[in-house]
Amino acid sequence: MNKFELKTEITQYEHSEELPLDEQNLLSKAKEACFNAYAPYSEFKVGVALLLENGEIITGSNQENAAYPSGLCAERTAIFWANSQYPEKAIVKMAISSLNKNNKLSQLITPCGACRQVMIETELRFKQPIKTILDGENKIISIDKVSDLLPLYFNADELK
């Protein structure tokens, strides 16, 4: 039997002003994107802003549907749009924010498993880490690479 330890490095901030200016801007765009969410069922709005290596900022928001599995999370909405419009441009950073039904910042949320898998595959595809900033009511956390969010990820390339 072998045991091993997984290590995740997270930086925590109390205020967005502690972030570099480009990350403050990205977080602001993610907060704005929350208002574009279509969330009549959950009343939980998520906004994402991606910074591409060419300097473009792409935003996305969650989009619900009465046929529940037909909706899509904000992270995948933004990543899929970025990959379809800029297929050769890596995502350098992403910021994620959320609002509750009263349009107040909710507790810090993390991407769901499906979004984490899409994020890691995007990171692997471009062979470049995606710094991820998660916005919460009482703290902001920053993670330097998606593999810290999903350390035991599925990698189809390893099956070849």
Protein backbone atom coordinates (compact mmCIF):
# COMPACT_ATOMS: atom_id res chain seq x y z
CA MET A 1 0.00 0.00 0.00
CA ASN A 2 1.17 3.52 -0.80
CA LYS A 3 -0.17 6.72 0.61
CA PHE A 4 0.27 10.09 -0.96
CA GLU A 5 -0.80 13.59 -0.16
CA LEU A 6 -2.47 16.06 -2.48
CA LYS A 7 -1.54 19.69 -1.95
CA THR A 8 -3.63 22.65 -3.03
CA GLU A 9 -2.27 26.17 -2.72
CA ILE A 10 -4.83 28.93 -2.22
CA THR A 11 -4.30 32.63 -1.60
CA GLN A 12 -7.03 34.38 0.38
CA TYR A 13 -7.83 38.09 0.27
CA GLU A 14 -10.25 40.08 2.40
CA HIS A 15 -10.88 42.83 -0.17
CA SER A 16 -10.66 43.05 -3.95
CA GLU A 17 -8.34 46.06 -3.58
CA GLU A 18 -5.62 43.62 -2.52
CA LEU A 19 -5.66 42.04 -6.00
CA PRO A 20 -3.56 43.35 -8.91
CA LEU A 21 -5.48 45.88 -11.04
CA ASP A 22 -6.07 43.45 -13.94
CA GLU A 23 -7.62 40.94 -11.52
CA GLN A 24 -9.75 43.65 -9.88
CA ASN A 25 -11.05 44.52 -13.35
CA LEU A 26 -11.71 40.86 -14.18
CA LEU A 27 -13.59 40.38 -10.92
CA SER A 28 -15.66 43.49 -11.63
CA LYS A 29 -16.58 42.09 -15.05
CA ALA A 30 -17.59 38.77 -13.43
CA LYS A 31 -19.85 40.63 -10.99
CA GLU A 32 -21.45 42.54 -13.88
CA ALA A 33 -21.98 39.29 -15.78
CA CYS A 34 -24.12 37.98 -12.91
CA PHE A 35 -26.85 40.38 -14.00
CA ASN A 36 -27.00 38.66 -17.41
CA ALA A 37 -27.82 35.31 -15.83
CA TYR A 38 -31.10 33.66 -16.72
CA ALA A 39 -31.94 32.02 -13.42
CA PRO A 40 -35.72 32.15 -12.86
CA TYR A 41 -35.78 28.75 -11.11
CA SER A 42 -32.85 28.86 -8.70
CA GLU A 43 -32.64 32.66 -8.44
CA PHE A 44 -28.89 32.06 -8.08
CA LYS A 45 -26.87 34.11 -10.55
CA VAL A 46 -23.29 33.32 -11.49
CA GLY A 47 -21.02 35.47 -13.60
CA VAL A 48 -17.63 34.66 -15.08
CA ALA A 49 -14.99 36.76 -16.77
CA LEU A 50 -12.11 35.20 -18.70
CA LEU A 51 -8.90 36.96 -19.64
CA LEU A 52 -7.46 35.53 -22.85
CA GLU A 53 -3.78 35.70 -23.73
CA ASN A 54 -4.57 38.30 -26.43
CA GLY A 55 -6.05 40.64 -23.78
CA GLU A 56 -9.70 39.99 -24.70
CA ILE A 57 -12.12 39.64 -21.79
CA ILE A 58 -15.00 37.21 -22.34
CA THR A 59 -17.91 37.04 -19.92
CA GLY A 60 -20.55 34.42 -19.32
CA SER A 61 -23.44 33.75 -16.98
CA ASN A 62 -25.49 30.75 -15.98
CA GLN A 63 -28.47 30.00 -18.22
CA GLU A 64 -31.25 27.87 -16.75
CA ASN A 65 -34.02 26.01 -18.52
CA ALA A 66 -37.26 24.42 -17.32
CA ALA A 67 -35.89 21.14 -18.66
CA TYR A 68 -33.25 21.13 -15.92
CA PRO A 69 -30.34 19.38 -17.63
CA SER A 70 -30.62 21.76 -20.58
CA GLY A 71 -29.19 24.72 -18.66
CA LEU A 72 -25.53 25.60 -18.55
CA CYS A 73 -23.21 26.96 -15.89
CA ALA A 74 -21.52 30.34 -16.31
CA GLU A 75 -18.04 28.83 -16.48
CA ARG A 76 -18.85 26.54 -19.41
CA THR A 77 -20.88 29.25 -21.17
CA ALA A 78 -17.83 31.54 -21.16
CA ILE A 79 -15.22 28.87 -21.91
CA PHE A 80 -17.14 27.38 -24.82
CA TRP A 81 -17.79 30.80 -26.32
CA ALA A 82 -14.12 31.78 -25.93
CA ASN A 83 -12.94 28.51 -27.48
CA SER A 84 -15.35 28.88 -30.41
CA GLN A 85 -14.41 32.51 -31.14
CA TYR A 86 -10.70 32.38 -30.24
CA PRO A 87 -9.74 28.71 -30.71
CA GLU A 88 -6.00 29.38 -30.61
CA LYS A 89 -5.99 31.74 -27.62
CA ALA A 90 -5.38 30.39 -24.13
CA ILE A 91 -7.35 31.50 -21.10
CA VAL A 92 -4.90 33.12 -18.70
CA LYS A 93 -7.20 34.00 -15.81
CA MET A 94 -10.82 33.63 -14.85
CA ALA A 95 -12.92 35.27 -12.16
CA ILE A 96 -16.18 33.85 -10.80
CA SER A 97 -18.79 35.74 -8.78
CA SER A 98 -22.37 35.06 -7.73
CA LEU A 99 -25.49 36.79 -6.48
CA ASN A 100 -28.40 35.46 -4.47
CA LYS A 101 -32.06 36.19 -5.22
CA ASN A 102 -31.73 39.61 -3.54
CA ASN A 103 -28.81 40.51 -5.85
CA LYS A 104 -26.38 40.41 -2.95
CA LEU A 105 -23.02 38.73 -3.15
CA SER A 106 -23.47 35.22 -1.88
CA GLN A 107 -20.99 33.01 -0.13
CA LEU A 108 -17.92 32.04 -2.08
CA ILE A 109 -18.80 29.38 -4.61
CA THR A 110 -16.57 26.99 -6.48
CA PRO A 111 -17.17 25.53 -9.94
CA CYS A 112 -19.15 22.30 -10.16
CA GLY A 113 -17.45 19.07 -11.19
CA ALA A 114 -18.47 19.34 -14.85
CA CYS A 115 -17.09 22.88 -15.06
CA ARG A 116 -13.87 21.83 -13.34
CA GLN A 117 -13.40 19.08 -15.93
CA VAL A 118 -13.93 21.56 -18.80
CA MET A 119 -11.55 23.99 -17.10
CA ILE A 120 -8.81 21.38 -16.64
CA GLU A 121 -9.14 20.16 -20.21
CA THR A 122 -8.81 23.76 -21.42
CA GLU A 123 -5.73 24.17 -19.24
CA LEU A 124 -4.23 20.94 -20.61
CA ARG A 125 -5.11 21.86 -24.20
CA PHE A 126 -3.08 25.07 -24.07
CA LYS A 127 -0.41 23.69 -21.71
CA GLN A 128 -0.82 26.78 -19.59
CA PRO A 129 -2.31 27.23 -16.11
CA ILE A 130 -5.53 29.17 -15.67
CA LYS A 131 -5.46 31.34 -12.57
CA THR A 132 -8.91 31.28 -10.99
CA ILE A 133 -10.30 33.97 -8.68
CA LEU A 134 -13.40 33.14 -6.63
CA ASP A 135 -15.39 35.99 -5.14
CA GLY A 136 -17.28 35.61 -1.90
CA GLU A 137 -19.12 37.75 0.59
CA ASN A 138 -16.34 37.74 3.17
CA LYS A 139 -13.29 36.67 1.20
CA ILE A 140 -11.76 36.24 -2.21
CA ILE A 141 -9.55 33.28 -3.02
CA SER A 142 -7.09 32.86 -5.83
CA ILE A 143 -5.89 29.53 -7.18
CA ASP A 144 -2.93 29.47 -9.57
CA LYS A 145 -3.99 26.45 -11.61
CA VAL A 146 -7.15 24.45 -12.21
CA SER A 147 -5.48 21.20 -11.20
CA ASP A 148 -5.55 22.58 -7.65
CA LEU A 149 -9.36 22.61 -7.93
CA LEU A 150 -9.50 19.12 -9.47
CA PRO A 151 -6.33 17.21 -8.59
CA LEU A 152 -7.56 13.77 -9.69
CA TYR A 153 -8.92 14.85 -13.06
CA PHE A 154 -9.82 12.69 -16.05
CA ASN A 155 -7.29 13.04 -18.88
CA ALA A 156 -8.30 11.25 -22.08
CA ASP A 157 -4.78 11.75 -23.50
CA GLU A 158 -3.49 9.31 -20.89
CA LEU A 159 -5.71 6.57 -22.35
CA LYS A 160 -4.10 6.69 -25.78
